[in-house]
Amino acid sequence: MFLKPALNEKIETIETKPALFVIKETFFSKNPQIFGLPKVNLSTLWDNFEKSNSKNILKKTIVKKVNVYKDQIKNIVLNNGKELTANNYIFATQYSSIQKIFKDSNIKGNFKNKLETSPILGIHFWFKDKVTDDRYIASVDSEIQWIFNISKNHNNNENHIVISQSASEKWMKMDKGEIKKIFLKELNLIYPKANQKNLKKFSIVKQRDATFLCNEKNELIRNSIPLDLKNIYYSGDWRNTSWPSTMESAVISGKDVSESILESIKR
């Protein structure tokens, strides 16, 4: 119930080392285990943060080019042509996105490594009338793995239900209409009001490279960096944190980068 989504891999193919790590850290860690439930939804948290930092947040902005001088980044160029200069640069994107930025910038380096990935399938249903008051549930003896009541969690009345499927390779080539048919039927067995008559609309989201696999090849990549420069830092779940491709890994990575930058400022 938790290993498959935590590692986003079929139980039959999960390697022993990462599986044991997740079990140990989740249930037997010597560090205090804290389970937090937010009082507000994530969109509210972001709205509050954005209001107080609006001048520092650039929306719908793409980094088109990175300019390097000697052994450090000189500046970055945005899609609107504007150049941004800083003392330090943090790349907090997927490994493949970092490689693309460097390639597009005509920067020389070994960018041939590719993380082996695993997909996640998201099935979104919007219903005319409410089908449940549950916030989220895990399903057993069903095609369905996890169900999230987005409307309940975001305090709106759209009756938006999301089914999340980890290690979903078998669904990637299937027609979206067929996927909708299968999962609406499965959802109806759990919530009788979730039926075709009550369905308003649906959306199928296939994230083919959602997470990286925990294997020896990927571990070698996680222990390396795409490009080594004085003022560049990398943050993301793919960094070498010992954790699999999870939010915990991303947070630990971000914390490590922040500490590294602060330490460099002190020197």
Protein backbone atom coordinates (compact mmCIF):
# COMPACT_ATOMS: atom_id res chain seq x y z
CA MET A 1 0.00 0.00 0.00
CA PHE A 2 2.88 2.40 0.70
CA LEU A 3 5.97 0.85 -0.94
CA LYS A 4 4.52 0.93 -4.46
CA PRO A 5 3.58 4.64 -4.40
CA ALA A 6 6.70 5.59 -2.41
CA LEU A 7 9.02 4.01 -4.99
CA ASN A 8 6.62 4.24 -7.94
CA GLU A 9 7.54 0.75 -9.03
CA LYS A 10 5.91 -2.65 -9.20
CA ILE A 11 6.32 -4.69 -6.04
CA GLU A 12 7.78 -7.54 -8.09
CA THR A 13 10.66 -5.40 -9.39
CA ILE A 14 11.46 -3.15 -6.41
CA GLU A 15 15.07 -3.56 -5.29
CA THR A 16 15.63 -4.61 -1.68
CA LYS A 17 17.86 -1.71 -0.60
CA PRO A 18 15.46 1.19 -1.24
CA ALA A 19 12.49 -0.85 0.01
CA LEU A 20 14.20 -1.56 3.33
CA PHE A 21 15.30 2.07 3.60
CA VAL A 22 11.72 3.34 3.26
CA ILE A 23 10.42 0.81 5.80
CA LYS A 24 13.20 1.62 8.27
CA GLU A 25 12.85 5.40 7.99
CA THR A 26 9.05 5.26 8.12
CA PHE A 27 8.55 2.86 11.03
CA PHE A 28 11.85 2.26 12.85
CA SER A 29 13.85 5.48 12.60
CA LYS A 30 15.56 6.76 15.75
CA ASN A 31 14.70 10.29 14.67
CA PRO A 32 11.35 11.65 15.88
CA GLN A 33 8.61 10.92 13.36
CA ILE A 34 6.22 13.82 12.78
CA PHE A 35 2.97 13.53 10.86
CA GLY A 36 1.55 16.95 10.06
CA LEU A 37 -1.90 17.82 8.79
CA PRO A 38 -2.12 21.35 7.35
CA LYS A 39 -4.93 23.60 8.52
CA VAL A 40 -5.23 25.10 5.05
CA ASN A 41 -4.76 23.71 1.55
CA LEU A 42 -1.52 24.16 -0.41
CA SER A 43 -3.01 26.71 -2.81
CA THR A 44 -3.84 28.96 0.16
CA LEU A 45 -0.30 28.63 1.50
CA TRP A 46 1.08 29.58 -1.91
CA ASP A 47 -1.30 32.54 -2.28
CA ASN A 48 -0.09 33.98 1.03
CA PHE A 49 3.55 33.45 0.08
CA GLU A 50 3.04 34.98 -3.36
CA LYS A 51 1.40 38.12 -1.98
CA SER A 52 4.39 38.85 0.22
CA ASN A 53 6.96 37.98 -2.47
CA SER A 54 5.23 39.06 -5.68
CA LYS A 55 8.17 41.17 -6.88
CA ASN A 56 10.52 38.17 -6.70
CA ILE A 57 8.32 35.62 -8.50
CA LEU A 58 8.35 35.49 -12.29
CA LYS A 59 5.39 33.57 -13.71
CA LYS A 60 5.22 32.03 -17.19
CA THR A 61 8.96 32.60 -17.52
CA ILE A 62 11.40 30.19 -19.15
CA VAL A 63 15.18 30.13 -18.92
CA LYS A 64 16.30 30.06 -22.54
CA LYS A 65 20.05 30.29 -22.10
CA VAL A 66 22.81 30.12 -19.50
CA ASN A 67 25.93 32.21 -20.13
CA VAL A 68 29.13 30.86 -18.62
CA TYR A 69 32.36 32.83 -18.15
CA LYS A 70 35.47 30.89 -17.10
CA ASP A 71 34.40 28.66 -14.18
CA GLN A 72 31.07 30.17 -13.21
CA ILE A 73 27.69 31.30 -14.52
CA LYS A 74 27.74 34.90 -15.71
CA ASN A 75 23.98 35.31 -16.15
CA ILE A 76 20.83 33.63 -17.43
CA VAL A 77 18.64 34.80 -20.30
CA LEU A 78 14.84 34.51 -20.09
CA ASN A 79 12.38 33.89 -22.91
CA ASN A 80 11.53 37.60 -22.97
CA GLY A 81 15.20 38.48 -23.57
CA LYS A 82 15.81 39.80 -20.07
CA GLU A 83 19.14 38.91 -18.43
CA LEU A 84 19.30 38.03 -14.73
CA THR A 85 22.52 38.13 -12.72
CA ALA A 86 23.09 36.65 -9.26
CA ASN A 87 25.88 35.51 -6.98
CA ASN A 88 24.57 31.94 -6.94
CA TYR A 89 22.21 29.96 -9.15
CA ILE A 90 20.04 27.06 -8.00
CA PHE A 91 18.66 24.64 -10.59
CA ALA A 92 15.60 23.03 -8.98
CA THR A 93 14.22 21.16 -11.97
CA GLN A 94 14.20 17.62 -13.29
CA TYR A 95 17.57 16.19 -14.28
CA SER A 96 16.55 16.03 -17.96
CA SER A 97 15.43 19.69 -17.90
CA ILE A 98 18.82 20.79 -16.59
CA GLN A 99 20.55 18.87 -19.36
CA LYS A 100 18.31 20.51 -21.98
CA ILE A 101 19.05 24.02 -20.70
CA PHE A 102 22.81 23.39 -20.93
CA LYS A 103 22.53 21.84 -24.38
CA ASP A 104 20.42 24.74 -25.64
CA SER A 105 23.06 27.10 -24.24
CA ASN A 106 25.80 25.35 -26.26
CA ILE A 107 27.67 24.50 -23.07
CA LYS A 108 30.10 21.64 -23.43
CA GLY A 109 29.71 18.74 -21.05
CA ASN A 110 28.70 15.11 -20.64
CA PHE A 111 24.93 15.32 -20.89
CA LYS A 112 24.29 11.82 -22.25
CA ASN A 113 23.29 10.25 -18.93
CA LYS A 114 19.57 9.65 -18.59
CA LEU A 115 17.69 8.71 -15.47
CA GLU A 116 15.49 5.66 -15.92
CA THR A 117 11.97 6.71 -14.98
CA SER A 118 8.58 5.34 -14.03
CA PRO A 119 5.14 6.79 -14.95
CA ILE A 120 2.20 7.93 -12.85
CA LEU A 121 -1.38 8.05 -14.11
CA GLY A 122 -3.87 10.63 -12.89
CA ILE A 123 -7.59 10.15 -13.56
CA HIS A 124 -9.65 13.29 -12.92
CA PHE A 125 -13.44 13.13 -12.59
CA TRP A 126 -15.76 16.09 -12.09
CA PHE A 127 -19.27 15.17 -10.96
CA LYS A 128 -22.51 17.17 -11.05
CA ASP A 129 -23.43 16.12 -7.52
CA LYS A 130 -21.25 15.21 -4.54
CA VAL A 131 -20.15 11.57 -4.45
CA THR A 132 -18.31 11.48 -1.09
CA ASP A 133 -17.16 13.51 1.92
CA ASP A 134 -13.96 11.46 2.29
CA ARG A 135 -10.80 13.50 1.81
CA TYR A 136 -8.67 10.57 0.61
CA ILE A 137 -8.71 6.80 0.82
CA ALA A 138 -6.51 3.89 -0.21
CA SER A 139 -8.24 1.12 -2.12
CA VAL A 140 -7.51 -2.62 -1.96
CA ASP A 141 -8.69 -5.47 -4.21
CA SER A 142 -9.31 -2.93 -6.95
CA GLU A 143 -7.53 -1.38 -9.93
CA ILE A 144 -7.67 1.86 -7.94
CA GLN A 145 -4.75 2.66 -5.63
CA TRP A 146 -5.44 6.09 -4.09
CA ILE A 147 -8.43 8.44 -4.28
CA PHE A 148 -8.17 12.16 -3.47
CA ASN A 149 -11.16 14.45 -3.00
CA ILE A 150 -9.62 17.61 -4.48
CA SER A 151 -12.71 19.74 -3.91
CA LYS A 152 -12.90 18.75 -0.24
CA ASN A 153 -9.21 19.45 0.26
CA HIS A 154 -9.38 22.80 -1.58
CA ASN A 155 -12.68 23.92 -0.09
CA ASN A 156 -14.62 24.27 -3.34
CA ASN A 157 -17.81 22.77 -4.77
CA GLU A 158 -16.55 21.33 -8.05
CA ASN A 159 -16.92 17.67 -6.92
CA HIS A 160 -13.45 16.96 -8.31
CA ILE A 161 -12.15 13.46 -7.58
CA VAL A 162 -8.65 12.30 -8.54
CA ILE A 163 -7.42 8.72 -8.76
CA SER A 164 -3.63 8.36 -8.58
CA GLN A 165 -1.96 5.26 -10.00
CA SER A 166 1.73 4.59 -9.34
CA ALA A 167 3.91 2.32 -11.50
CA SER A 168 1.34 2.75 -14.25
CA GLU A 169 3.28 1.52 -17.28
CA LYS A 170 0.41 -0.72 -18.42
CA TRP A 171 -1.87 2.30 -18.82
CA MET A 172 0.48 4.48 -20.87
CA LYS A 173 -0.48 3.06 -24.28
CA MET A 174 -4.15 2.54 -23.52
CA ASP A 175 -6.78 4.83 -25.04
CA LYS A 176 -7.90 7.54 -22.61
CA GLY A 177 -11.55 6.76 -23.22
CA GLU A 178 -10.98 3.15 -22.21
CA ILE A 179 -9.09 4.23 -19.09
CA LYS A 180 -11.99 6.49 -18.13
CA LYS A 181 -14.46 3.64 -18.59
CA ILE A 182 -12.46 1.21 -16.42
CA PHE A 183 -11.82 3.58 -13.53
CA LEU A 184 -15.31 5.08 -13.46
CA LYS A 185 -16.64 1.55 -13.07
CA GLU A 186 -14.16 0.81 -10.27
CA LEU A 187 -14.94 4.11 -8.52
CA ASN A 188 -18.66 3.35 -8.73
CA LEU A 189 -18.09 0.17 -6.73
CA ILE A 190 -16.69 2.33 -3.91
CA TYR A 191 -18.99 5.34 -4.31
CA PRO A 192 -22.34 4.45 -5.95
CA LYS A 193 -23.00 8.10 -6.87
CA ALA A 194 -19.86 8.10 -9.03
CA ASN A 195 -21.56 7.01 -12.24
CA GLN A 196 -21.84 8.03 -15.89
CA LYS A 197 -25.13 9.87 -15.35
CA ASN A 198 -23.58 12.04 -12.63
CA LEU A 199 -20.30 12.60 -14.52
CA LYS A 200 -19.78 16.18 -15.76
CA LYS A 201 -16.33 15.82 -17.39
CA PHE A 202 -13.05 13.90 -17.08
CA SER A 203 -9.36 14.25 -17.83
CA ILE A 204 -6.62 11.60 -18.07
CA VAL A 205 -3.08 12.78 -17.28
CA LYS A 206 -0.16 10.50 -18.24
CA GLN A 207 3.12 11.51 -16.58
CA ARG A 208 5.53 9.21 -18.39
CA ASP A 209 8.67 10.40 -16.56
CA ALA A 210 7.06 11.16 -13.21
CA THR A 211 9.81 9.75 -10.98
CA PHE A 212 13.16 8.02 -11.32
CA LEU A 213 13.68 4.35 -10.55
CA CYS A 214 15.80 3.28 -7.59
CA ASN A 215 18.46 1.17 -9.27
CA GLU A 216 22.26 1.02 -9.51
CA LYS A 217 22.44 2.93 -12.80
CA ASN A 218 20.44 5.84 -11.44
CA GLU A 219 22.44 5.86 -8.21
CA LEU A 220 25.58 6.63 -10.22
CA ILE A 221 23.83 9.62 -11.81
CA ARG A 222 22.51 10.82 -8.45
CA ASN A 223 26.06 10.83 -7.11
CA SER A 224 27.20 13.11 -9.93
CA ILE A 225 26.22 16.56 -11.21
CA PRO A 226 25.55 17.67 -14.81
CA LEU A 227 28.02 20.57 -14.72
CA ASP A 228 30.47 21.65 -12.02
CA LEU A 229 30.81 25.43 -11.68
CA LYS A 230 31.65 27.65 -8.70
CA ASN A 231 28.29 29.34 -8.33
CA ILE A 232 25.86 26.64 -9.41
CA TYR A 233 23.81 24.40 -7.12
CA TYR A 234 21.38 21.59 -7.87
CA SER A 235 18.23 20.79 -5.92
CA GLY A 236 15.61 18.11 -6.52
CA ASP A 237 14.50 14.65 -5.52
CA TRP A 238 17.08 13.19 -7.96
CA ARG A 239 20.04 14.44 -5.89
CA ASN A 240 21.93 12.00 -3.67
CA THR A 241 19.82 12.17 -0.49
CA SER A 242 19.52 8.40 0.11
CA TRP A 243 15.75 8.81 -0.28
CA PRO A 244 13.84 7.62 -3.36
CA SER A 245 12.01 10.01 -5.71
CA THR A 246 9.81 11.55 -3.02
CA MET A 247 8.89 14.92 -1.51
CA GLU A 248 11.19 14.03 1.40
CA SER A 249 14.13 13.77 -0.98
CA ALA A 250 13.28 17.12 -2.61
CA VAL A 251 13.00 18.87 0.77
CA ILE A 252 16.27 17.38 2.06
CA SER A 253 18.00 18.41 -1.16
CA GLY A 254 16.71 21.98 -0.88
CA LYS A 255 17.82 22.18 2.74
CA ASP A 256 21.31 20.90 1.84
CA VAL A 257 21.66 23.48 -0.96
CA SER A 258 20.58 26.33 1.34
CA GLU A 259 23.14 25.30 3.94
CA SER A 260 25.87 25.03 1.30
CA ILE A 261 25.19 28.54 0.01
CA LEU A 262 25.12 30.00 3.51
CA GLU A 263 28.39 28.26 4.27
CA SER A 264 29.99 29.66 1.10
CA ILE A 265 28.90 33.19 2.08
CA LYS A 266 30.60 32.85 5.47
CA ARG A 267 33.91 31.88 3.89
